[in-house]
């Protein structure tokens, strides 16, 4: 169970990741994202739906905090320095 402080920190990372990703991503970018339950997959970015990334196939269940590669290059939109 996360403490309120941990939850707030996660929300802060998510908002930072969203702001940074919105500055950088363009339609057609190839993203590697982590999806529950930890599965990594490649998608082609299409557009935004609020804070969610929507893939070319129309799936909009990806958040930029879970993106670790863009066009084959490592990225950390939240600035946490975490990569596999």
N, C-alpha and C. Protein backbone atom coordinates (compact mmCIF):
# COMPACT_ATOMS: atom_id res chain seq x y z
N UNK A 1 0.84 -1.17 0.00
CA UNK A 1 0.00 0.00 0.00
C UNK A 1 0.89 1.24 0.00
N UNK A 2 0.57 2.17 -0.88
CA UNK A 2 1.35 3.40 -0.96
C UNK A 2 0.85 4.43 0.05
N UNK A 3 1.80 5.20 0.58
CA UNK A 3 1.42 6.30 1.47
C UNK A 3 0.88 7.45 0.62
N UNK A 4 0.25 8.40 1.25
CA UNK A 4 -0.25 9.58 0.53
C UNK A 4 0.90 10.34 -0.13
N UNK A 5 2.04 10.38 0.54
CA UNK A 5 3.21 11.06 -0.03
C UNK A 5 3.69 10.35 -1.29
N UNK A 6 3.70 9.02 -1.28
CA UNK A 6 4.11 8.25 -2.45
C UNK A 6 3.12 8.44 -3.61
N UNK A 7 1.85 8.46 -3.28
CA UNK A 7 0.83 8.68 -4.31
C UNK A 7 1.01 10.05 -4.95
N UNK A 8 1.25 11.06 -4.13
CA UNK A 8 1.45 12.42 -4.64
C UNK A 8 2.70 12.49 -5.51
N UNK A 9 3.75 11.82 -5.11
CA UNK A 9 4.98 11.78 -5.91
C UNK A 9 4.72 11.11 -7.27
N UNK A 10 3.96 10.02 -7.27
CA UNK A 10 3.61 9.36 -8.54
C UNK A 10 2.79 10.28 -9.44
N UNK A 11 1.88 11.02 -8.86
CA UNK A 11 1.08 11.97 -9.65
C UNK A 11 1.97 13.06 -10.24
N UNK A 12 2.95 13.51 -9.46
CA UNK A 12 3.88 14.53 -9.94
C UNK A 12 4.69 14.00 -11.12
N UNK A 13 5.20 12.77 -11.00
CA UNK A 13 5.96 12.16 -12.11
C UNK A 13 5.08 12.03 -13.35
N UNK A 14 3.84 11.62 -13.17
CA UNK A 14 2.93 11.43 -14.30
C UNK A 14 2.66 12.75 -15.02
N UNK A 15 2.43 13.83 -14.27
CA UNK A 15 2.17 15.13 -14.89
C UNK A 15 3.41 15.65 -15.62
N UNK A 16 4.58 15.45 -15.04
CA UNK A 16 5.83 15.87 -15.69
C UNK A 16 6.05 15.08 -16.98
N UNK A 17 5.82 13.77 -16.92
CA UNK A 17 5.97 12.93 -18.11
C UNK A 17 5.02 13.37 -19.21
N UNK A 18 3.79 13.66 -18.86
CA UNK A 18 2.81 14.10 -19.84
C UNK A 18 3.24 15.40 -20.50
N UNK A 19 3.68 16.37 -19.71
CA UNK A 19 4.09 17.67 -20.25
C UNK A 19 5.28 17.51 -21.19
N UNK A 20 6.25 16.73 -20.80
CA UNK A 20 7.44 16.53 -21.64
C UNK A 20 7.11 15.76 -22.91
N UNK A 21 6.27 14.76 -22.82
CA UNK A 21 5.90 13.96 -23.99
C UNK A 21 5.11 14.80 -24.99
N UNK A 22 4.24 15.67 -24.50
CA UNK A 22 3.45 16.50 -25.41
C UNK A 22 4.33 17.45 -26.21
N UNK A 23 5.46 17.84 -25.65
CA UNK A 23 6.40 18.72 -26.38
C UNK A 23 7.15 17.96 -27.46
N UNK A 24 7.34 16.66 -27.28
CA UNK A 24 8.25 15.90 -28.14
C UNK A 24 7.57 15.01 -29.17
N UNK A 25 6.48 14.35 -28.81
CA UNK A 25 5.93 13.31 -29.67
C UNK A 25 5.21 13.87 -30.89
N UNK A 26 5.40 13.14 -32.00
CA UNK A 26 4.73 13.49 -33.25
C UNK A 26 4.01 12.25 -33.76
N UNK A 27 2.90 12.43 -34.47
CA UNK A 27 2.23 11.27 -35.06
C UNK A 27 3.21 10.46 -35.91
N UNK A 28 3.14 9.15 -35.77
CA UNK A 28 4.03 8.25 -36.49
C UNK A 28 5.23 7.80 -35.68
N UNK A 29 5.51 8.46 -34.54
CA UNK A 29 6.62 8.02 -33.69
C UNK A 29 6.36 6.61 -33.19
N UNK A 30 7.41 5.80 -33.13
CA UNK A 30 7.32 4.44 -32.60
C UNK A 30 7.72 4.48 -31.14
N UNK A 31 6.83 4.01 -30.26
CA UNK A 31 7.04 4.04 -28.82
C UNK A 31 7.06 2.64 -28.25
N UNK A 32 7.97 2.40 -27.31
CA UNK A 32 7.85 1.17 -26.52
C UNK A 32 7.24 1.57 -25.19
N UNK A 33 6.14 0.91 -24.86
CA UNK A 33 5.40 1.22 -23.65
C UNK A 33 5.25 -0.03 -22.79
N UNK A 34 5.11 0.19 -21.51
CA UNK A 34 4.82 -0.90 -20.58
C UNK A 34 3.34 -0.86 -20.28
N UNK A 35 2.69 -1.99 -20.41
CA UNK A 35 1.26 -2.12 -20.17
C UNK A 35 1.06 -3.18 -19.08
N UNK A 36 0.02 -3.08 -18.32
CA UNK A 36 -0.27 -4.08 -17.28
C UNK A 36 -0.38 -5.46 -17.93
N UNK A 37 0.19 -6.46 -17.35
CA UNK A 37 0.89 -6.54 -16.07
C UNK A 37 2.41 -6.45 -16.22
N UNK A 38 2.90 -5.45 -16.89
CA UNK A 38 4.34 -5.29 -17.09
C UNK A 38 4.80 -5.69 -18.47
N UNK A 39 3.88 -5.95 -19.38
CA UNK A 39 4.20 -6.34 -20.74
C UNK A 39 4.70 -5.13 -21.51
N UNK A 40 5.83 -5.29 -22.21
CA UNK A 40 6.36 -4.22 -23.04
C UNK A 40 5.94 -4.47 -24.48
N UNK A 41 5.50 -3.42 -25.16
CA UNK A 41 5.09 -3.55 -26.55
C UNK A 41 5.43 -2.27 -27.30
N UNK A 42 5.56 -2.41 -28.61
CA UNK A 42 5.81 -1.27 -29.49
C UNK A 42 4.50 -0.82 -30.10
N UNK A 43 4.27 0.49 -30.11
CA UNK A 43 3.09 1.06 -30.74
C UNK A 43 3.52 2.22 -31.64
N UNK A 44 2.65 2.60 -32.55
CA UNK A 44 2.86 3.80 -33.35
C UNK A 44 1.92 4.87 -32.81
N UNK A 45 2.51 5.98 -32.37
CA UNK A 45 1.72 7.07 -31.79
C UNK A 45 0.87 7.74 -32.86
N UNK A 46 -0.40 7.98 -32.52
CA UNK A 46 -1.32 8.65 -33.43
C UNK A 46 -1.68 10.05 -32.93
N UNK A 47 -2.22 10.12 -31.69
CA UNK A 47 -2.65 11.40 -31.16
C UNK A 47 -2.88 11.29 -29.66
N UNK A 48 -3.27 12.39 -29.05
CA UNK A 48 -3.56 12.45 -27.62
C UNK A 48 -5.06 12.39 -27.39
N UNK A 49 -5.45 11.77 -26.27
CA UNK A 49 -6.81 11.79 -25.77
C UNK A 49 -6.70 12.17 -24.29
N UNK A 50 -6.71 13.46 -24.02
CA UNK A 50 -6.43 13.92 -22.66
C UNK A 50 -4.97 13.65 -22.34
N UNK A 51 -4.73 12.91 -21.25
CA UNK A 51 -3.36 12.56 -20.88
C UNK A 51 -2.91 11.24 -21.50
N UNK A 52 -3.78 10.59 -22.27
CA UNK A 52 -3.49 9.26 -22.81
C UNK A 52 -2.95 9.33 -24.22
N UNK A 53 -1.97 8.47 -24.50
CA UNK A 53 -1.43 8.29 -25.84
C UNK A 53 -2.35 7.32 -26.58
N UNK A 54 -2.68 7.66 -27.80
CA UNK A 54 -3.51 6.77 -28.62
C UNK A 54 -2.64 6.22 -29.73
N UNK A 55 -2.69 4.90 -29.89
CA UNK A 55 -1.90 4.25 -30.93
C UNK A 55 -2.60 4.34 -32.28
N UNK A 56 -1.86 4.04 -33.33
CA UNK A 56 -2.40 4.05 -34.69
C UNK A 56 -3.60 3.10 -34.81
N UNK A 57 -3.60 2.03 -34.01
CA UNK A 57 -4.70 1.08 -34.06
C UNK A 57 -5.93 1.55 -33.29
N UNK A 58 -5.82 2.72 -32.62
CA UNK A 58 -6.96 3.29 -31.92
C UNK A 58 -7.02 2.99 -30.44
N UNK A 59 -6.05 2.27 -29.92
CA UNK A 59 -6.02 1.97 -28.48
C UNK A 59 -5.47 3.19 -27.75
N UNK A 60 -6.19 3.67 -26.75
CA UNK A 60 -5.79 4.86 -26.03
C UNK A 60 -5.54 4.60 -24.57
N UNK A 61 -4.87 3.53 -24.26
CA UNK A 61 -4.69 3.10 -22.87
C UNK A 61 -3.22 3.15 -22.46
N UNK A 62 -2.48 4.13 -22.98
CA UNK A 62 -1.05 4.24 -22.69
C UNK A 62 -0.77 5.61 -22.10
N UNK A 63 0.05 5.63 -21.05
CA UNK A 63 0.41 6.90 -20.43
C UNK A 63 1.89 7.17 -20.67
N UNK A 64 2.29 8.42 -20.91
CA UNK A 64 3.69 8.71 -21.22
C UNK A 64 4.68 8.35 -20.12
N UNK A 65 4.23 8.22 -18.89
CA UNK A 65 5.15 7.82 -17.82
C UNK A 65 5.65 6.39 -18.05
N UNK A 66 4.91 5.62 -18.87
CA UNK A 66 5.27 4.23 -19.14
C UNK A 66 6.01 4.03 -20.46
N UNK A 67 6.41 5.11 -21.11
CA UNK A 67 7.18 5.03 -22.36
C UNK A 67 8.66 4.99 -22.01
N UNK A 68 9.41 4.03 -22.59
CA UNK A 68 10.85 4.01 -22.32
C UNK A 68 11.72 4.11 -23.57
N UNK A 69 11.11 4.01 -24.76
CA UNK A 69 11.85 4.22 -26.00
C UNK A 69 10.97 4.98 -26.98
N UNK A 70 11.58 5.91 -27.72
CA UNK A 70 10.91 6.61 -28.82
C UNK A 70 11.80 6.48 -30.04
N UNK A 71 11.25 5.89 -31.09
CA UNK A 71 12.00 5.68 -32.33
C UNK A 71 13.34 4.99 -32.08
N UNK A 72 13.33 4.03 -31.16
CA UNK A 72 14.52 3.22 -30.87
C UNK A 72 15.50 3.84 -29.89
N UNK A 73 15.24 5.05 -29.43
CA UNK A 73 16.15 5.72 -28.50
C UNK A 73 15.53 5.76 -27.10
N UNK A 74 16.33 5.50 -26.05
CA UNK A 74 15.79 5.52 -24.70
C UNK A 74 15.30 6.92 -24.31
N UNK A 75 14.22 6.94 -23.56
CA UNK A 75 13.65 8.19 -23.10
C UNK A 75 13.03 7.97 -21.72
N UNK A 76 13.04 9.01 -20.92
CA UNK A 76 12.37 9.00 -19.63
C UNK A 76 11.69 10.35 -19.48
N UNK A 77 10.43 10.43 -19.89
CA UNK A 77 9.71 11.70 -19.90
C UNK A 77 9.58 12.31 -18.51
N UNK A 78 9.65 11.48 -17.47
CA UNK A 78 9.53 12.00 -16.11
C UNK A 78 10.88 12.42 -15.52
N UNK A 79 11.97 12.06 -16.20
CA UNK A 79 13.29 12.45 -15.72
C UNK A 79 13.79 11.66 -14.54
N UNK A 80 13.31 10.43 -14.40
CA UNK A 80 13.71 9.61 -13.26
C UNK A 80 14.96 8.80 -13.54
N UNK A 81 15.38 8.69 -14.82
CA UNK A 81 16.59 7.95 -15.16
C UNK A 81 16.44 6.44 -15.03
N UNK A 82 15.26 5.91 -15.27
CA UNK A 82 14.99 4.48 -15.14
C UNK A 82 14.88 3.84 -16.52
N UNK A 83 15.73 2.86 -16.81
CA UNK A 83 15.67 2.10 -18.06
C UNK A 83 16.10 0.67 -17.80
N UNK A 84 15.61 -0.24 -18.62
CA UNK A 84 16.04 -1.65 -18.54
C UNK A 84 17.38 -1.80 -19.22
